[in-house]
Amino acid sequence: MTVQGRTGWLGPTADKAAELLLFPDGKSGTVAVQFPAEAGLTHQQMISFAQGVTPTSHSCLSFG
């Protein structure tokens, strides 16, 4: 699938509690967006949401 013109990946987290969408930010990083499974969103809705995501200088570089 494509997000913001870049090839991304969308699939379940290891515990299946969420869907994880990953796509390159166009610089040197990767954007990760998680959607809780109970939100009930379709993959197309998740991709549409991610089209509007823009990392800022306040974005978290790493977690965990």
N, C-alpha and C. Protein backbone atom coordinates (compact mmCIF):
# COMPACT_ATOMS: atom_id res chain seq x y z
N MET A 1 0.82 -1.16 0.00
CA MET A 1 0.00 0.00 0.00
C MET A 1 0.87 1.23 0.00
N THR A 2 0.30 2.34 -0.39
CA THR A 2 1.05 3.59 -0.54
C THR A 2 0.47 4.66 0.38
N VAL A 3 1.36 5.37 1.07
CA VAL A 3 0.98 6.50 1.91
C VAL A 3 1.85 7.67 1.51
N GLN A 4 1.23 8.77 1.16
CA GLN A 4 1.94 9.98 0.75
C GLN A 4 2.95 9.69 -0.36
N GLY A 5 2.58 8.80 -1.27
CA GLY A 5 3.42 8.47 -2.41
C GLY A 5 4.58 7.53 -2.11
N ARG A 6 4.60 6.98 -0.90
CA ARG A 6 5.69 6.08 -0.51
C ARG A 6 5.12 4.73 -0.11
N THR A 7 5.86 3.68 -0.40
CA THR A 7 5.43 2.33 -0.06
C THR A 7 5.48 2.14 1.45
N GLY A 8 4.39 1.65 2.00
CA GLY A 8 4.31 1.42 3.44
C GLY A 8 3.91 -0.01 3.74
N TRP A 9 3.69 -0.27 5.01
CA TRP A 9 3.30 -1.60 5.49
C TRP A 9 2.20 -1.42 6.51
N LEU A 10 1.19 -2.28 6.47
CA LEU A 10 0.09 -2.24 7.41
C LEU A 10 -0.24 -3.66 7.84
N GLY A 11 -0.25 -3.89 9.15
CA GLY A 11 -0.55 -5.22 9.66
C GLY A 11 -0.75 -5.19 11.16
N PRO A 12 -1.13 -6.33 11.72
CA PRO A 12 -1.40 -6.39 13.15
C PRO A 12 -0.11 -6.35 13.98
N THR A 13 -0.24 -5.84 15.21
CA THR A 13 0.86 -5.92 16.15
C THR A 13 0.98 -7.38 16.61
N ALA A 14 2.06 -7.72 17.26
CA ALA A 14 2.30 -9.10 17.68
C ALA A 14 1.17 -9.65 18.56
N ASP A 15 0.61 -8.79 19.41
CA ASP A 15 -0.46 -9.25 20.30
C ASP A 15 -1.86 -9.09 19.69
N LYS A 16 -1.91 -8.60 18.47
CA LYS A 16 -3.16 -8.41 17.72
C LYS A 16 -4.10 -7.38 18.36
N ALA A 17 -3.58 -6.56 19.29
CA ALA A 17 -4.40 -5.55 19.95
C ALA A 17 -4.53 -4.28 19.11
N ALA A 18 -3.70 -4.16 18.08
CA ALA A 18 -3.71 -2.95 17.26
C ALA A 18 -3.23 -3.28 15.85
N GLU A 19 -3.51 -2.35 14.94
CA GLU A 19 -2.95 -2.40 13.60
C GLU A 19 -1.82 -1.37 13.57
N LEU A 20 -0.73 -1.70 12.95
CA LEU A 20 0.43 -0.83 12.87
C LEU A 20 0.66 -0.47 11.41
N LEU A 21 0.72 0.83 11.14
CA LEU A 21 0.99 1.32 9.80
C LEU A 21 2.35 2.01 9.81
N LEU A 22 3.24 1.58 8.95
CA LEU A 22 4.59 2.15 8.84
C LEU A 22 4.80 2.69 7.43
N PHE A 23 5.40 3.88 7.34
CA PHE A 23 5.76 4.42 6.03
C PHE A 23 6.92 5.40 6.18
N PRO A 24 7.77 5.52 5.14
CA PRO A 24 8.90 6.44 5.21
C PRO A 24 8.42 7.89 5.28
N ASP A 25 9.14 8.71 6.03
CA ASP A 25 8.75 10.11 6.17
C ASP A 25 9.30 11.00 5.06
N GLY A 26 10.04 10.42 4.13
CA GLY A 26 10.59 11.21 3.03
C GLY A 26 11.95 11.81 3.35
N LYS A 27 12.41 11.63 4.56
CA LYS A 27 13.73 12.10 4.98
C LYS A 27 14.56 10.86 5.27
N SER A 28 14.79 10.59 6.53
CA SER A 28 15.57 9.39 6.87
C SER A 28 14.88 8.54 7.92
N GLY A 29 13.62 8.84 8.20
CA GLY A 29 12.91 8.13 9.25
C GLY A 29 11.71 7.36 8.75
N THR A 30 11.07 6.69 9.69
CA THR A 30 9.86 5.93 9.41
C THR A 30 8.78 6.41 10.36
N VAL A 31 7.60 6.66 9.82
CA VAL A 31 6.45 7.05 10.62
C VAL A 31 5.71 5.78 11.03
N ALA A 32 5.38 5.67 12.31
CA ALA A 32 4.60 4.54 12.82
C ALA A 32 3.31 5.09 13.41
N VAL A 33 2.18 4.57 12.92
CA VAL A 33 0.87 4.97 13.43
C VAL A 33 0.16 3.71 13.88
N GLN A 34 -0.29 3.70 15.14
CA GLN A 34 -1.01 2.53 15.66
C GLN A 34 -2.49 2.85 15.81
N PHE A 35 -3.33 1.89 15.45
CA PHE A 35 -4.77 2.01 15.58
C PHE A 35 -5.27 0.87 16.46
N PRO A 36 -5.91 1.15 17.60
CA PRO A 36 -6.42 0.08 18.44
C PRO A 36 -7.43 -0.77 17.68
N ALA A 37 -7.38 -2.06 17.87
CA ALA A 37 -8.29 -2.98 17.17
C ALA A 37 -9.75 -2.63 17.47
N GLU A 38 -10.04 -2.22 18.71
CA GLU A 38 -11.42 -1.92 19.07
C GLU A 38 -11.97 -0.66 18.39
N ALA A 39 -11.11 0.11 17.72
CA ALA A 39 -11.59 1.29 16.99
C ALA A 39 -12.45 0.87 15.80
N GLY A 40 -12.23 -0.34 15.31
CA GLY A 40 -13.06 -0.86 14.23
C GLY A 40 -12.85 -0.21 12.87
N LEU A 41 -11.68 0.39 12.66
CA LEU A 41 -11.40 1.05 11.38
C LEU A 41 -11.02 0.03 10.30
N THR A 42 -11.40 0.32 9.08
CA THR A 42 -10.95 -0.50 7.95
C THR A 42 -9.53 -0.10 7.59
N HIS A 43 -8.84 -0.94 6.84
CA HIS A 43 -7.50 -0.58 6.39
C HIS A 43 -7.54 0.69 5.56
N GLN A 44 -8.56 0.85 4.71
CA GLN A 44 -8.65 2.06 3.89
C GLN A 44 -8.80 3.31 4.75
N GLN A 45 -9.56 3.23 5.85
CA GLN A 45 -9.69 4.37 6.75
C GLN A 45 -8.36 4.70 7.42
N MET A 46 -7.60 3.68 7.78
CA MET A 46 -6.29 3.89 8.40
C MET A 46 -5.34 4.57 7.42
N ILE A 47 -5.34 4.10 6.19
CA ILE A 47 -4.47 4.68 5.15
C ILE A 47 -4.88 6.12 4.89
N SER A 48 -6.18 6.39 4.81
CA SER A 48 -6.66 7.76 4.59
C SER A 48 -6.21 8.67 5.72
N PHE A 49 -6.30 8.20 6.97
CA PHE A 49 -5.83 8.98 8.11
C PHE A 49 -4.35 9.30 7.96
N ALA A 50 -3.55 8.28 7.63
CA ALA A 50 -2.10 8.44 7.54
C ALA A 50 -1.69 9.42 6.44
N GLN A 51 -2.53 9.58 5.42
CA GLN A 51 -2.22 10.53 4.35
C GLN A 51 -2.03 11.94 4.91
N GLY A 52 -2.69 12.25 6.02
CA GLY A 52 -2.60 13.59 6.61
C GLY A 52 -1.60 13.72 7.74
N VAL A 53 -0.86 12.67 8.06
CA VAL A 53 0.11 12.71 9.15
C VAL A 53 1.40 13.38 8.69
N THR A 54 1.83 14.39 9.44
CA THR A 54 3.07 15.09 9.14
C THR A 54 3.94 15.13 10.39
N PRO A 55 5.09 14.46 10.38
CA PRO A 55 5.99 14.54 11.54
C PRO A 55 6.49 15.97 11.74
N THR A 56 6.60 16.37 12.99
CA THR A 56 7.11 17.70 13.33
C THR A 56 8.38 17.54 14.17
N SER A 57 8.96 18.65 14.55
CA SER A 57 10.16 18.60 15.38
C SER A 57 9.85 18.03 16.76
N HIS A 58 8.58 17.94 17.14
CA HIS A 58 8.17 17.40 18.42
C HIS A 58 7.86 15.90 18.35
N SER A 59 8.02 15.30 17.16
CA SER A 59 7.73 13.87 16.99
C SER A 59 8.69 13.04 17.82
N CYS A 60 8.18 11.94 18.32
CA CYS A 60 8.97 11.01 19.11
C CYS A 60 9.85 10.19 18.17
N LEU A 61 11.15 10.20 18.37
CA LEU A 61 12.06 9.45 17.50
C LEU A 61 12.07 7.97 17.82
N SER A 62 11.80 7.64 19.07
CA SER A 62 11.85 6.24 19.47
C SER A 62 11.03 6.05 20.73
N PHE A 63 10.47 4.88 20.87
CA PHE A 63 9.78 4.55 22.11
C PHE A 63 9.92 3.07 22.36
N GLY A 64 10.05 2.73 23.64
CA GLY A 64 10.19 1.31 23.99
C GLY A 64 11.60 0.85 24.10
